Amino acid sequence: MASSLSLLERQRLLDATGTQYGFAAAYTGDPGTTGASNEVAGGTYARKAITWAAASGATPSVKALNGTLPVFDIPAGTTVAFIGIWTLITGGTYGGCFDVVDEVFAGAGTYTLTAGSISL
């Protein structure tokens, strides 16, 4: 017999994750299992603070980004391909990533994170 977490427990875990991982990082490729690979670098790039919507619904597999949309400064010659979540603006603990539609920056520009989600 397979076991699974209750709906309420999945929602609680998603809310706790959103509280813990309050910063987003942009990546040029898959960040790997530790987030140490492919983070954007150069120019005035920095991780950005994020907030999460509360988990709700019959299938709480998604906890969406909410609030003020983070805007990353992206240096010329960079492609943004993934977004990762972190506990701190520098260093910290890596919580995972999600794939985004690749955006290529021939010149320096900005990347606005408009959506993202995590699942259990």
PDB file of N, CA and C in Angstrom:
ATOM      1  N   MET A   1       0.839  -1.173   0.000  1.00  0.00           N
ATOM      2  CA  MET A   1       0.000   0.000   0.000  1.00  0.00           C
ATOM      3  C   MET A   1       0.892   1.247   0.000  1.00  0.00           C
ATOM      4  N   ALA A   2       0.652   2.137  -0.900  1.00  0.00           N
ATOM      5  CA  ALA A   2       1.415   3.383  -0.974  1.00  0.00           C
ATOM      6  C   ALA A   2       0.913   4.350   0.089  1.00  0.00           C
ATOM      7  N   SER A   3       1.815   5.148   0.603  1.00  0.00           N
ATOM      8  CA  SER A   3       1.406   6.153   1.574  1.00  0.00           C
ATOM      9  C   SER A   3       1.748   7.528   1.032  1.00  0.00           C
ATOM     10  N   SER A   4       1.031   8.521   1.521  1.00  0.00           N
ATOM     11  CA  SER A   4       1.301   9.886   1.092  1.00  0.00           C
ATOM     12  C   SER A   4       0.935  10.849   2.210  1.00  0.00           C
ATOM     13  N   LEU A   5       1.439  12.040   2.109  1.00  0.00           N
ATOM     14  CA  LEU A   5       1.127  13.065   3.087  1.00  0.00           C
ATOM     15  C   LEU A   5      -0.292  13.578   2.864  1.00  0.00           C
ATOM     16  N   SER A   6      -0.915  13.992   3.931  1.00  0.00           N
ATOM     17  CA  SER A   6      -2.253  14.566   3.817  1.00  0.00           C
ATOM     18  C   SER A   6      -2.178  15.906   3.092  1.00  0.00           C
ATOM     19  N   LEU A   7      -3.289  16.347   2.604  1.00  0.00           N
ATOM     20  CA  LEU A   7      -3.393  17.643   1.936  1.00  0.00           C
ATOM     21  C   LEU A   7      -2.909  18.753   2.869  1.00  0.00           C
ATOM     22  N   LEU A   8      -3.368  18.735   4.109  1.00  0.00           N
ATOM     23  CA  LEU A   8      -2.991  19.764   5.068  1.00  0.00           C
ATOM     24  C   LEU A   8      -1.483  19.778   5.307  1.00  0.00           C
ATOM     25  N   GLU A   9      -0.864  18.599   5.420  1.00  0.00           N
ATOM     26  CA  GLU A   9       0.573  18.535   5.656  1.00  0.00           C
ATOM     27  C   GLU A   9       1.362  19.015   4.440  1.00  0.00           C
ATOM     28  N   ARG A  10       0.926  18.678   3.238  1.00  0.00           N
ATOM     29  CA  ARG A  10       1.619  19.175   2.038  1.00  0.00           C
ATOM     30  C   ARG A  10       1.543  20.703   1.979  1.00  0.00           C
ATOM     31  N   GLN A  11       0.373  21.259   2.302  1.00  0.00           N
ATOM     32  CA  GLN A  11       0.233  22.718   2.309  1.00  0.00           C
ATOM     33  C   GLN A  11       1.154  23.343   3.364  1.00  0.00           C
ATOM     34  N   ARG A  12       1.229  22.732   4.548  1.00  0.00           N
ATOM     35  CA  ARG A  12       2.089  23.255   5.614  1.00  0.00           C
ATOM     36  C   ARG A  12       3.557  23.235   5.190  1.00  0.00           C
ATOM     37  N   LEU A  13       3.986  22.147   4.566  1.00  0.00           N
ATOM     38  CA  LEU A  13       5.376  22.042   4.112  1.00  0.00           C
ATOM     39  C   LEU A  13       5.700  23.060   3.024  1.00  0.00           C
ATOM     40  N   LEU A  14       4.776  23.266   2.105  1.00  0.00           N
ATOM     41  CA  LEU A  14       4.999  24.268   1.063  1.00  0.00           C
ATOM     42  C   LEU A  14       5.086  25.667   1.662  1.00  0.00           C
ATOM     43  N   ASP A  15       4.219  25.971   2.620  1.00  0.00           N
ATOM     44  CA  ASP A  15       4.283  27.282   3.262  1.00  0.00           C
ATOM     45  C   ASP A  15       5.600  27.468   3.997  1.00  0.00           C
ATOM     46  N   ALA A  16       6.072  26.433   4.687  1.00  0.00           N
ATOM     47  CA  ALA A  16       7.344  26.514   5.401  1.00  0.00           C
ATOM     48  C   ALA A  16       8.501  26.718   4.421  1.00  0.00           C
ATOM     49  N   THR A  17       8.451  26.043   3.290  1.00  0.00           N
ATOM     50  CA  THR A  17       9.502  26.206   2.275  1.00  0.00           C
ATOM     51  C   THR A  17       9.520  27.635   1.756  1.00  0.00           C
ATOM     52  N   GLY A  18       8.357  28.186   1.481  1.00  0.00           N
ATOM     53  CA  GLY A  18       8.278  29.561   1.003  1.00  0.00           C
ATOM     54  C   GLY A  18       8.818  30.559   2.008  1.00  0.00           C
ATOM     55  N   THR A  19       8.626  30.289   3.283  1.00  0.00           N
ATOM     56  CA  THR A  19       9.138  31.158   4.336  1.00  0.00           C
ATOM     57  C   THR A  19      10.656  31.074   4.421  1.00  0.00           C
ATOM     58  N   GLN A  20      11.198  29.881   4.263  1.00  0.00           N
ATOM     59  CA  GLN A  20      12.640  29.663   4.407  1.00  0.00           C
ATOM     60  C   GLN A  20      13.431  30.176   3.209  1.00  0.00           C
ATOM     61  N   TYR A  21      12.928  29.968   2.005  1.00  0.00           N
ATOM     62  CA  TYR A  21      13.679  30.314   0.787  1.00  0.00           C
ATOM     63  C   TYR A  21      13.175  31.637   0.227  1.00  0.00           C
ATOM     64  N   GLY A  22      13.766  32.719   0.696  1.00  0.00           N
ATOM     65  CA  GLY A  22      13.290  34.053   0.355  1.00  0.00           C
ATOM     66  C   GLY A  22      14.093  34.798  -0.684  1.00  0.00           C
ATOM     67  N   PHE A  23      14.982  34.102  -1.418  1.00  0.00           N
ATOM     68  CA  PHE A  23      15.795  34.764  -2.441  1.00  0.00           C
ATOM     69  C   PHE A  23      15.843  33.915  -3.703  1.00  0.00           C
ATOM     70  N   ALA A  24      15.855  34.583  -4.845  1.00  0.00           N
ATOM     71  CA  ALA A  24      15.931  33.904  -6.140  1.00  0.00           C
ATOM     72  C   ALA A  24      17.244  34.264  -6.816  1.00  0.00           C
ATOM     73  N   ALA A  25      17.764  33.309  -7.590  1.00  0.00           N
ATOM     74  CA  ALA A  25      18.986  33.501  -8.364  1.00  0.00           C
ATOM     75  C   ALA A  25      18.702  33.111  -9.809  1.00  0.00           C
ATOM     76  N   ALA A  26      19.318  33.803 -10.744  1.00  0.00           N
ATOM     77  CA  ALA A  26      19.179  33.481 -12.164  1.00  0.00           C
ATOM     78  C   ALA A  26      20.361  32.626 -12.601  1.00  0.00           C
ATOM     79  N   TYR A  27      20.090  31.683 -13.503  1.00  0.00           N
ATOM     80  CA  TYR A  27      21.113  30.746 -13.976  1.00  0.00           C
ATOM     81  C   TYR A  27      21.134  30.686 -15.498  1.00  0.00           C
ATOM     82  N   THR A  28      22.329  30.462 -16.025  1.00  0.00           N
ATOM     83  CA  THR A  28      22.506  30.323 -17.469  1.00  0.00           C
ATOM     84  C   THR A  28      22.286  28.891 -17.938  1.00  0.00           C
ATOM     85  N   GLY A  29      22.297  27.957 -17.018  1.00  0.00           N
ATOM     86  CA  GLY A  29      22.084  26.534 -17.300  1.00  0.00           C
ATOM     87  C   GLY A  29      21.651  25.849 -16.019  1.00  0.00           C
ATOM     88  N   ASP A  30      21.492  24.556 -16.076  1.00  0.00           N
ATOM     89  CA  ASP A  30      21.045  23.791 -14.915  1.00  0.00           C
ATOM     90  C   ASP A  30      21.970  24.055 -13.720  1.00  0.00           C
ATOM     91  N   PRO A  31      21.412  24.456 -12.563  1.00  0.00           N
ATOM     92  CA  PRO A  31      22.241  24.741 -11.389  1.00  0.00           C
ATOM     93  C   PRO A  31      22.831  23.516 -10.718  1.00  0.00           C
ATOM     94  N   GLY A  32      22.409  22.324 -11.115  1.00  0.00           N
ATOM     95  CA  GLY A  32      22.889  21.109 -10.473  1.00  0.00           C
ATOM     96  C   GLY A  32      22.210  20.913  -9.131  1.00  0.00           C
ATOM     97  N   THR A  33      22.698  19.961  -8.363  1.00  0.00           N
ATOM     98  CA  THR A  33      22.047  19.610  -7.102  1.00  0.00           C
ATOM     99  C   THR A  33      22.387  20.555  -5.954  1.00  0.00           C
ATOM    100  N   THR A  34      23.415  21.381  -6.110  1.00  0.00           N
ATOM    101  CA  THR A  34      23.815  22.288  -5.032  1.00  0.00           C
ATOM    102  C   THR A  34      23.612  23.762  -5.371  1.00  0.00           C
ATOM    103  N   GLY A  35      23.239  24.075  -6.602  1.00  0.00           N
ATOM    104  CA  GLY A  35      23.077  25.457  -7.019  1.00  0.00           C
ATOM    105  C   GLY A  35      24.390  26.157  -7.311  1.00  0.00           C
ATOM    106  N   ALA A  36      25.492  25.396  -7.274  1.00  0.00           N
ATOM    107  CA  ALA A  36      26.820  25.989  -7.435  1.00  0.00           C
ATOM    108  C   ALA A  36      27.211  26.218  -8.899  1.00  0.00           C
ATOM    109  N   SER A  37      26.455  25.660  -9.839  1.00  0.00           N
ATOM    110  CA  SER A  37      26.821  25.764 -11.255  1.00  0.00           C
ATOM    111  C   SER A  37      25.941  26.762 -11.988  1.00  0.00           C
ATOM    112  N   ASN A  38      26.554  27.569 -12.812  1.00  0.00           N
ATOM    113  CA  ASN A  38      25.879  28.390 -13.818  1.00  0.00           C
ATOM    114  C   ASN A  38      25.099  29.596 -13.312  1.00  0.00           C
ATOM    115  N   GLU A  39      25.332  30.067 -12.066  1.00  0.00           N
ATOM    116  CA  GLU A  39      24.643  31.289 -11.645  1.00  0.00           C
ATOM    117  C   GLU A  39      25.192  32.461 -12.451  1.00  0.00           C
ATOM    118  N   VAL A  40      24.301  33.342 -12.874  1.00  0.00           N
ATOM    119  CA  VAL A  40      24.700  34.533 -13.622  1.00  0.00           C
ATOM    120  C   VAL A  40      25.734  35.300 -12.794  1.00  0.00           C
ATOM    121  N   ALA A  41      26.716  35.875 -13.457  1.00  0.00           N
ATOM    122  CA  ALA A  41      27.748  36.668 -12.790  1.00  0.00           C
ATOM    123  C   ALA A  41      28.098  37.851 -13.667  1.00  0.00           C
ATOM    124  N   GLY A  42      28.568  38.910 -13.047  1.00  0.00           N
ATOM    125  CA  GLY A  42      29.036  40.068 -13.788  1.00  0.00           C
ATOM    126  C   GLY A  42      28.073  41.232 -13.720  1.00  0.00           C
ATOM    127  N   GLY A  43      28.572  42.379 -14.131  1.00  0.00           N
ATOM    128  CA  GLY A  43      27.755  43.586 -14.115  1.00  0.00           C
ATOM    129  C   GLY A  43      27.250  43.871 -12.710  1.00  0.00           C
ATOM    130  N   THR A  44      26.000  44.232 -12.592  1.00  0.00           N
ATOM    131  CA  THR A  44      25.403  44.515 -11.277  1.00  0.00           C
ATOM    132  C   THR A  44      24.434  43.413 -10.863  1.00  0.00           C
ATOM    133  N   TYR A  45      24.599  42.206 -11.442  1.00  0.00           N
ATOM    134  CA  TYR A  45      23.731  41.082 -11.087  1.00  0.00           C
ATOM    135  C   TYR A  45      23.812  40.778  -9.591  1.00  0.00           C
ATOM    136  N   ALA A  46      22.678  40.482  -8.988  1.00  0.00           N
ATOM    137  CA  ALA A  46      22.600  40.020  -7.598  1.00  0.00           C
ATOM    138  C   ALA A  46      21.311  39.219  -7.440  1.00  0.00           C
ATOM    139  N   ARG A  47      21.289  38.300  -6.492  1.00  0.00           N
ATOM    140  CA  ARG A  47      20.057  37.595  -6.148  1.00  0.00           C
ATOM    141  C   ARG A  47      19.023  38.606  -5.664  1.00  0.00           C
ATOM    142  N   LYS A  48      17.761  38.219  -5.790  1.00  0.00           N
ATOM    143  CA  LYS A  48      16.669  39.116  -5.415  1.00  0.00           C
ATOM    144  C   LYS A  48      15.753  38.474  -4.382  1.00  0.00           C
ATOM    145  N   ALA A  49      15.209  39.306  -3.494  1.00  0.00           N
ATOM    146  CA  ALA A  49      14.240  38.846  -2.509  1.00  0.00           C
ATOM    147  C   ALA A  49      12.938  38.463  -3.214  1.00  0.00           C
ATOM    148  N   ILE A  50      12.312  37.386  -2.735  1.00  0.00           N
ATOM    149  CA  ILE A  50      11.033  36.932  -3.281  1.00  0.00           C
ATOM    150  C   ILE A  50      10.077  36.622  -2.133  1.00  0.00           C
ATOM    151  N   THR A  51       8.793  36.633  -2.438  1.00  0.00           N
ATOM    152  CA  THR A  51       7.772  36.171  -1.510  1.00  0.00           C
ATOM    153  C   THR A  51       6.934  35.129  -2.225  1.00  0.00           C
ATOM    154  N   TRP A  52       6.248  34.317  -1.444  1.00  0.00           N
ATOM    155  CA  TRP A  52       5.457  33.216  -1.996  1.00  0.00           C
ATOM    156  C   TRP A  52       4.008  33.345  -1.575  1.00  0.00           C
ATOM    157  N   ALA A  53       3.093  32.967  -2.441  1.00  0.00           N
ATOM    158  CA  ALA A  53       1.680  32.902  -2.083  1.00  0.00           C
ATOM    159  C   ALA A  53       1.457  31.694  -1.174  1.00  0.00           C
ATOM    160  N   ALA A  54       0.450  31.752  -0.339  1.00  0.00           N
ATOM    161  CA  ALA A  54       0.127  30.622   0.533  1.00  0.00           C
ATOM    162  C   ALA A  54      -0.349  29.435  -0.303  1.00  0.00           C
ATOM    163  N   ALA A  55       0.019  28.234   0.135  1.00  0.00           N
ATOM    164  CA  ALA A  55      -0.439  27.017  -0.533  1.00  0.00           C
ATOM    165  C   ALA A  55      -1.916  26.831  -0.235  1.00  0.00           C
ATOM    166  N   SER A  56      -2.673  26.428  -1.243  1.00  0.00           N
ATOM    167  CA  SER A  56      -4.102  26.182  -1.047  1.00  0.00           C
ATOM    168  C   SER A  56      -4.613  25.299  -2.159  1.00  0.00           C
ATOM    169  N   GLY A  57      -5.827  24.843  -2.021  1.00  0.00           N
ATOM    170  CA  GLY A  57      -6.454  24.059  -3.079  1.00  0.00           C
ATOM    171  C   GLY A  57      -6.417  22.567  -2.820  1.00  0.00           C
ATOM    172  N   ALA A  58      -7.069  21.858  -3.679  1.00  0.00           N
ATOM    173  CA  ALA A  58      -7.191  20.413  -3.527  1.00  0.00           C
ATOM    174  C   ALA A  58      -5.883  19.693  -3.796  1.00  0.00           C
ATOM    175  N   THR A  59      -5.042  20.255  -4.629  1.00  0.00           N
ATOM    176  CA  THR A  59      -3.743  19.653  -4.908  1.00  0.00           C
ATOM    177  C   THR A  59      -2.668  20.707  -4.678  1.00  0.00           C
ATOM    178  N   PRO A  60      -2.137  20.803  -3.467  1.00  0.00           N
ATOM    179  CA  PRO A  60      -1.178  21.862  -3.158  1.00  0.00           C
ATOM    180  C   PRO A  60       0.217  21.555  -3.682  1.00  0.00           C
ATOM    181  N   SER A  61       0.308  21.267  -4.960  1.00  0.00           N
ATOM    182  CA  SER A  61       1.609  20.984  -5.530  1.00  0.00           C
ATOM    183  C   SER A  61       2.291  22.249  -6.018  1.00  0.00           C
ATOM    184  N   VAL A  62       1.565  23.358  -6.012  1.00  0.00           N
ATOM    185  CA  VAL A  62       2.144  24.587  -6.532  1.00  0.00           C
ATOM    186  C   VAL A  62       2.071  25.677  -5.473  1.00  0.00           C
ATOM    187  N   LYS A  63       3.171  26.330  -5.281  1.00  0.00           N
ATOM    188  CA  LYS A  63       3.239  27.487  -4.401  1.00  0.00           C
ATOM    189  C   LYS A  63       3.860  28.583  -5.239  1.00  0.00           C
ATOM    190  N   ALA A  64       3.074  29.508  -5.680  1.00  0.00           N
ATOM    191  CA  ALA A  64       3.509  30.485  -6.672  1.00  0.00           C
ATOM    192  C   ALA A  64       4.190  31.692  -6.039  1.00  0.00           C
ATOM    193  N   LEU A  65       5.095  32.291  -6.801  1.00  0.00           N
ATOM    194  CA  LEU A  65       5.691  33.552  -6.389  1.00  0.00           C
ATOM    195  C   LEU A  65       4.608  34.613  -6.373  1.00  0.00           C
ATOM    196  N   ASN A  66       4.723  35.526  -5.443  1.00  0.00           N
ATOM    197  CA  ASN A  66       3.683  36.525  -5.245  1.00  0.00           C
ATOM    198  C   ASN A  66       4.355  37.842  -4.860  1.00  0.00           C
ATOM    199  N   GLY A  67       3.574  38.893  -4.790  1.00  0.00           N
ATOM    200  CA  GLY A  67       4.101  40.172  -4.313  1.00  0.00           C
ATOM    201  C   GLY A  67       4.875  40.907  -5.398  1.00  0.00           C
ATOM    202  N   THR A  68       5.846  41.704  -4.981  1.00  0.00           N
ATOM    203  CA  THR A  68       6.651  42.494  -5.904  1.00  0.00           C
ATOM    204  C   THR A  68       7.479  41.571  -6.788  1.00  0.00           C
ATOM    205  N   LEU A  69       7.432  41.794  -8.078  1.00  0.00           N
ATOM    206  CA  LEU A  69       8.174  40.955  -9.017  1.00  0.00           C
ATOM    207  C   LEU A  69       9.659  41.317  -8.974  1.00  0.00           C
ATOM    208  N   PRO A  70      10.529  40.336  -8.739  1.00  0.00           N
ATOM    209  CA  PRO A  70      11.957  40.625  -8.714  1.00  0.00           C
ATOM    210  C   PRO A  70      12.497  40.895 -10.121  1.00  0.00           C
ATOM    211  N   VAL A  71      13.360  41.885 -10.224  1.00  0.00           N
ATOM    212  CA  VAL A  71      13.981  42.251 -11.496  1.00  0.00           C
ATOM    213  C   VAL A  71      15.488  42.108 -11.351  1.00  0.00           C
ATOM    214  N   PHE A  72      16.068  41.222 -12.169  1.00  0.00           N
ATOM    215  CA  PHE A  72      17.510  40.961 -12.144  1.00  0.00           C
ATOM    216  C   PHE A  72      18.206  41.807 -13.195  1.00  0.00           C
ATOM    217  N   ASP A  73      19.369  42.370 -12.856  1.00  0.00           N
ATOM    218  CA  ASP A  73      20.233  43.019 -13.834  1.00  0.00           C
ATOM    219  C   ASP A  73      21.074  41.925 -14.475  1.00  0.00           C
ATOM    220  N   ILE A  74      20.995  41.813 -15.801  1.00  0.00           N
ATOM    221  CA  ILE A  74      21.665  40.738 -16.525  1.00  0.00           C
ATOM    222  C   ILE A  74      22.728  41.337 -17.445  1.00  0.00           C
ATOM    223  N   PRO A  75      23.965  40.832 -17.346  1.00  0.00           N
ATOM    224  CA  PRO A  75      25.024  41.361 -18.210  1.00  0.00           C
ATOM    225  C   PRO A  75      24.865  40.902 -19.664  1.00  0.00           C
ATOM    226  N   ALA A  76      25.487  41.644 -20.564  1.00  0.00           N
ATOM    227  CA  ALA A  76      25.464  41.308 -21.992  1.00  0.00           C
ATOM    228  C   ALA A  76      26.040  39.917 -22.226  1.00  0.00           C
ATOM    229  N   GLY A  77      25.518  39.237 -23.243  1.00  0.00           N
ATOM    230  CA  GLY A  77      26.032  37.931 -23.621  1.00  0.00           C
ATOM    231  C   GLY A  77      25.577  36.807 -22.709  1.00  0.00           C
ATOM    232  N   THR A  78      24.470  36.997 -21.999  1.00  0.00           N
ATOM    233  CA  THR A  78      23.985  36.022 -21.025  1.00  0.00           C
ATOM    234  C   THR A  78      22.619  35.502 -21.444  1.00  0.00           C
ATOM    235  N   THR A  79      22.380  34.218 -21.217  1.00  0.00           N
ATOM    236  CA  THR A  79      21.058  33.626 -21.405  1.00  0.00           C
ATOM    237  C   THR A  79      20.544  33.169 -20.047  1.00  0.00           C
ATOM    238  N   VAL A  80      19.368  33.625 -19.660  1.00  0.00           N
ATOM    239  CA  VAL A  80      18.733  33.166 -18.423  1.00  0.00           C
ATOM    240  C   VAL A  80      17.888  31.943 -18.774  1.00  0.00           C
ATOM    241  N   ALA A  81      18.157  30.808 -18.102  1.00  0.00           N
ATOM    242  CA  ALA A  81      17.488  29.552 -18.427  1.00  0.00           C
ATOM    243  C   ALA A  81      16.811  28.890 -17.225  1.00  0.00           C
ATOM    244  N   PHE A  82      17.263  29.204 -16.010  1.00  0.00           N
ATOM    245  CA  PHE A  82      16.717  28.615 -14.787  1.00  0.00           C
ATOM    246  C   PHE A  82      16.665  29.682 -13.697  1.00  0.00           C
ATOM    247  N   ILE A  83      15.785  29.465 -12.734  1.00  0.00           N
ATOM    248  CA  ILE A  83      15.736  30.270 -11.523  1.00  0.00           C
ATOM    249  C   ILE A  83      15.869  29.316 -10.345  1.00  0.00           C
ATOM    250  N   GLY A  84      16.757  29.655  -9.413  1.00  0.00           N
ATOM    251  CA  GLY A  84      16.940  28.852  -8.212  1.00  0.00           C
ATOM    252  C   GLY A  84      16.470  29.617  -6.990  1.00  0.00           C
ATOM    253  N   ILE A  85      16.184  28.887  -5.902  1.00  0.00           N
ATOM    254  CA  ILE A  85      15.772  29.537  -4.664  1.00  0.00           C
ATOM    255  C   ILE A  85      16.815  29.284  -3.577  1.00  0.00           C
ATOM    256  N   TRP A  86      17.040  30.306  -2.757  1.00  0.00           N
ATOM    257  CA  TRP A  86      18.085  30.300  -1.736  1.00  0.00           C
ATOM    258  C   TRP A  86      17.565  30.885  -0.430  1.00  0.00           C
ATOM    259  N   THR A  87      18.245  30.546   0.667  1.00  0.00           N
ATOM    260  CA  THR A  87      17.886  31.094   1.969  1.00  0.00           C
ATOM    261  C   THR A  87      18.500  32.469   2.211  1.00  0.00           C
ATOM    262  N   LEU A  88      19.584  32.803   1.521  1.00  0.00           N
ATOM    263  CA  LEU A  88      20.273  34.079   1.735  1.00  0.00           C
ATOM    264  C   LEU A  88      20.600  34.756   0.408  1.00  0.00           C
ATOM    265  N   ILE A  89      20.852  36.048   0.475  1.00  0.00           N
ATOM    266  CA  ILE A  89      21.184  36.800  -0.732  1.00  0.00           C
ATOM    267  C   ILE A  89      22.571  36.438  -1.262  1.00  0.00           C
ATOM    268  N   THR A  90      23.495  36.039  -0.391  1.00  0.00           N
ATOM    269  CA  THR A  90      24.786  35.481  -0.802  1.00  0.00           C
ATOM    270  C   THR A  90      25.036  34.253   0.059  1.00  0.00           C
ATOM    271  N   GLY A  91      25.649  33.245  -0.512  1.00  0.00           N
ATOM    272  CA  GLY A  91      25.839  32.005   0.230  1.00  0.00           C
ATOM    273  C   GLY A  91      24.489  31.386   0.537  1.00  0.00           C
ATOM    274  N   GLY A  92      24.342  30.828   1.735  1.00  0.00           N
ATOM    275  CA  GLY A  92      23.070  30.254   2.141  1.00  0.00           C
ATOM    276  C   GLY A  92      22.881  28.833   1.661  1.00  0.00           C
ATOM    277  N   THR A  93      21.657  28.366   1.783  1.00  0.00           N
ATOM    278  CA  THR A  93      21.288  27.012   1.404  1.00  0.00           C
ATOM    279  C   THR A  93      20.441  27.049   0.140  1.00  0.00           C
ATOM    280  N   TYR A  94      20.810  26.213  -0.806  1.00  0.00           N
ATOM    281  CA  TYR A  94      20.095  26.097  -2.085  1.00  0.00           C
ATOM    282  C   TYR A  94      18.891  25.183  -1.889  1.00  0.00           C
ATOM    283  N   GLY A  95      17.719  25.618  -2.376  1.00  0.00           N
ATOM    284  CA  GLY A  95      16.500  24.837  -2.196  1.00  0.00           C
ATOM    285  C   GLY A  95      15.985  24.145  -3.434  1.00  0.00           C
ATOM    286  N   GLY A  96      16.531  24.455  -4.601  1.00  0.00           N
ATOM    287  CA  GLY A  96      16.048  23.843  -5.835  1.00  0.00           C
ATOM    288  C   GLY A  96      15.876  24.892  -6.918  1.00  0.00           C
ATOM    289  N   CYS A  97      15.344  24.456  -8.049  1.00  0.00           N
ATOM    290  CA  CYS A  97      15.212  25.379  -9.180  1.00  0.00           C
ATOM    291  C   CYS A  97      14.005  25.028 -10.021  1.00  0.00           C
ATOM    292  N   PHE A  98      13.669  25.932 -10.924  1.00  0.00           N
ATOM    293  CA  PHE A  98      12.686  25.634 -11.954  1.00  0.00           C
ATOM    294  C   PHE A  98      13.177  26.211 -13.271  1.00  0.00           C
ATOM    295  N   ASP A  99      12.830  25.512 -14.336  1.00  0.00           N
ATOM    296  CA  ASP A  99      13.198  25.892 -15.692  1.00  0.00           C
ATOM    297  C   ASP A  99      12.308  27.056 -16.122  1.00  0.00           C
ATOM    298  N   VAL A 100      12.882  28.030 -16.797  1.00  0.00           N
ATOM    299  CA  VAL A 100      12.106  29.135 -17.368  1.00  0.00           C
ATOM    300  C   VAL A 100      12.373  29.175 -18.871  1.00  0.00           C
ATOM    301  N   VAL A 101      11.526  29.871 -19.599  1.00  0.00           N
ATOM    302  CA  VAL A 101      11.749  30.050 -21.029  1.00  0.00           C
ATOM    303  C   VAL A 101      13.045  30.834 -21.191  1.00  0.00           C
ATOM    304  N   ASP A 102      13.985  30.292 -21.968  1.00  0.00           N
ATOM    305  CA  ASP A 102      15.282  30.957 -22.160  1.00  0.00           C
ATOM    306  C   ASP A 102      15.095  32.375 -22.681  1.00  0.00           C
ATOM    307  N   GLU A 103      15.816  33.296 -22.068  1.00  0.00           N
ATOM    308  CA  GLU A 103      15.837  34.672 -22.558  1.00  0.00           C
ATOM    309  C   GLU A 103      17.287  35.069 -22.778  1.00  0.00           C
ATOM    310  N   VAL A 104      17.593  35.461 -24.021  1.00  0.00           N
ATOM    311  CA  VAL A 104      18.959  35.792 -24.427  1.00  0.00           C
ATOM    312  C   VAL A 104      19.154  37.309 -24.356  1.00  0.00           C
ATOM    313  N   PHE A 105      20.253  37.717 -23.742  1.00  0.00           N
ATOM    314  CA  PHE A 105      20.584  39.134 -23.614  1.00  0.00           C
ATOM    315  C   PHE A 105      21.843  39.422 -24.418  1.00  0.00           C
ATOM    316  N   ALA A 106      21.680  39.960 -25.626  1.00  0.00           N
ATOM    317  CA  ALA A 106      22.830  40.341 -26.440  1.00  0.00           C
ATOM    318  C   ALA A 106      23.542  41.525 -25.787  1.00  0.00           C
ATOM    319  N   GLY A 107      22.752  42.473 -25.274  1.00  0.00           N
ATOM    320  CA  GLY A 107      23.279  43.603 -24.517  1.00  0.00           C
ATOM    321  C   GLY A 107      22.799  43.484 -23.078  1.00  0.00           C
ATOM    322  N   ALA A 108      23.357  44.287 -22.200  1.00  0.00           N
ATOM    323  CA  ALA A 108      22.911  44.269 -20.811  1.00  0.00           C
ATOM    324  C   ALA A 108      21.432  44.619 -20.741  1.00  0.00           C
ATOM    325  N   GLY A 109      20.729  44.004 -19.816  1.00  0.00           N
ATOM    326  CA  GLY A 109      19.306  44.262 -19.684  1.00  0.00           C
ATOM    327  C   GLY A 109      18.782  43.779 -18.346  1.00  0.00           C
ATOM    328  N   THR A 110      17.458  43.663 -18.256  1.00  0.00           N
ATOM    329  CA  THR A 110      16.842  43.189 -17.024  1.00  0.00           C
ATOM    330  C   THR A 110      15.934  42.001 -17.321  1.00  0.00           C
ATOM    331  N   TYR A 111      15.864  41.096 -16.357  1.00  0.00           N
ATOM    332  CA  TYR A 111      14.992  39.927 -16.438  1.00  0.00           C
ATOM    333  C   TYR A 111      14.020  40.009 -15.265  1.00  0.00           C
ATOM    334  N   THR A 112      12.722  40.033 -15.569  1.00  0.00           N
ATOM    335  CA  THR A 112      11.699  40.091 -14.539  1.00  0.00           C
ATOM    336  C   THR A 112      11.120  38.703 -14.338  1.00  0.00           C
ATOM    337  N   LEU A 113      11.195  38.227 -13.116  1.00  0.00           N
ATOM    338  CA  LEU A 113      10.626  36.926 -12.773  1.00  0.00           C
ATOM    339  C   LEU A 113       9.139  37.118 -12.529  1.00  0.00           C
ATOM    340  N   THR A 114       8.310  36.588 -13.420  1.00  0.00           N
ATOM    341  CA  THR A 114       6.875  36.807 -13.321  1.00  0.00           C
ATOM    342  C   THR A 114       6.126  35.631 -12.705  1.00  0.00           C
ATOM    343  N   ALA A 115       6.733  34.438 -12.699  1.00  0.00           N
ATOM    344  CA  ALA A 115       6.057  33.273 -12.154  1.00  0.00           C
ATOM    345  C   ALA A 115       7.076  32.215 -11.796  1.00  0.00           C
ATOM    346  N   GLY A 116       6.674  31.346 -10.933  1.00  0.00           N
ATOM    347  CA  GLY A 116       7.496  30.222 -10.549  1.00  0.00           C
ATOM    348  C   GLY A 116       6.731  29.394  -9.556  1.00  0.00           C
ATOM    349  N   SER A 117       7.061  28.151  -9.445  1.00  0.00           N
ATOM    350  CA  SER A 117       6.357  27.303  -8.484  1.00  0.00           C
ATOM    351  C   SER A 117       7.222  26.143  -8.041  1.00  0.00           C
ATOM    352  N   ILE A 118       6.872  25.581  -6.908  1.00  0.00           N
ATOM    353  CA  ILE A 118       7.524  24.402  -6.405  1.00  0.00           C
ATOM    354  C   ILE A 118       6.448  23.364  -6.120  1.00  0.00           C
ATOM    355  N   SER A 119       6.830  22.106  -6.047  1.00  0.00           N
ATOM    356  CA  SER A 119       5.844  21.071  -5.796  1.00  0.00           C
ATOM    357  C   SER A 119       6.406  20.006  -4.860  1.00  0.00           C
ATOM    358  N   LEU A 120       5.507  19.284  -4.212  1.00  0.00           N
ATOM    359  CA  LEU A 120       5.874  18.167  -3.352  1.00  0.00           C
ATOM    360  C   LEU A 120       5.440  16.879  -4.015  1.00  0.00           C
TER     361      LEU A 120
END
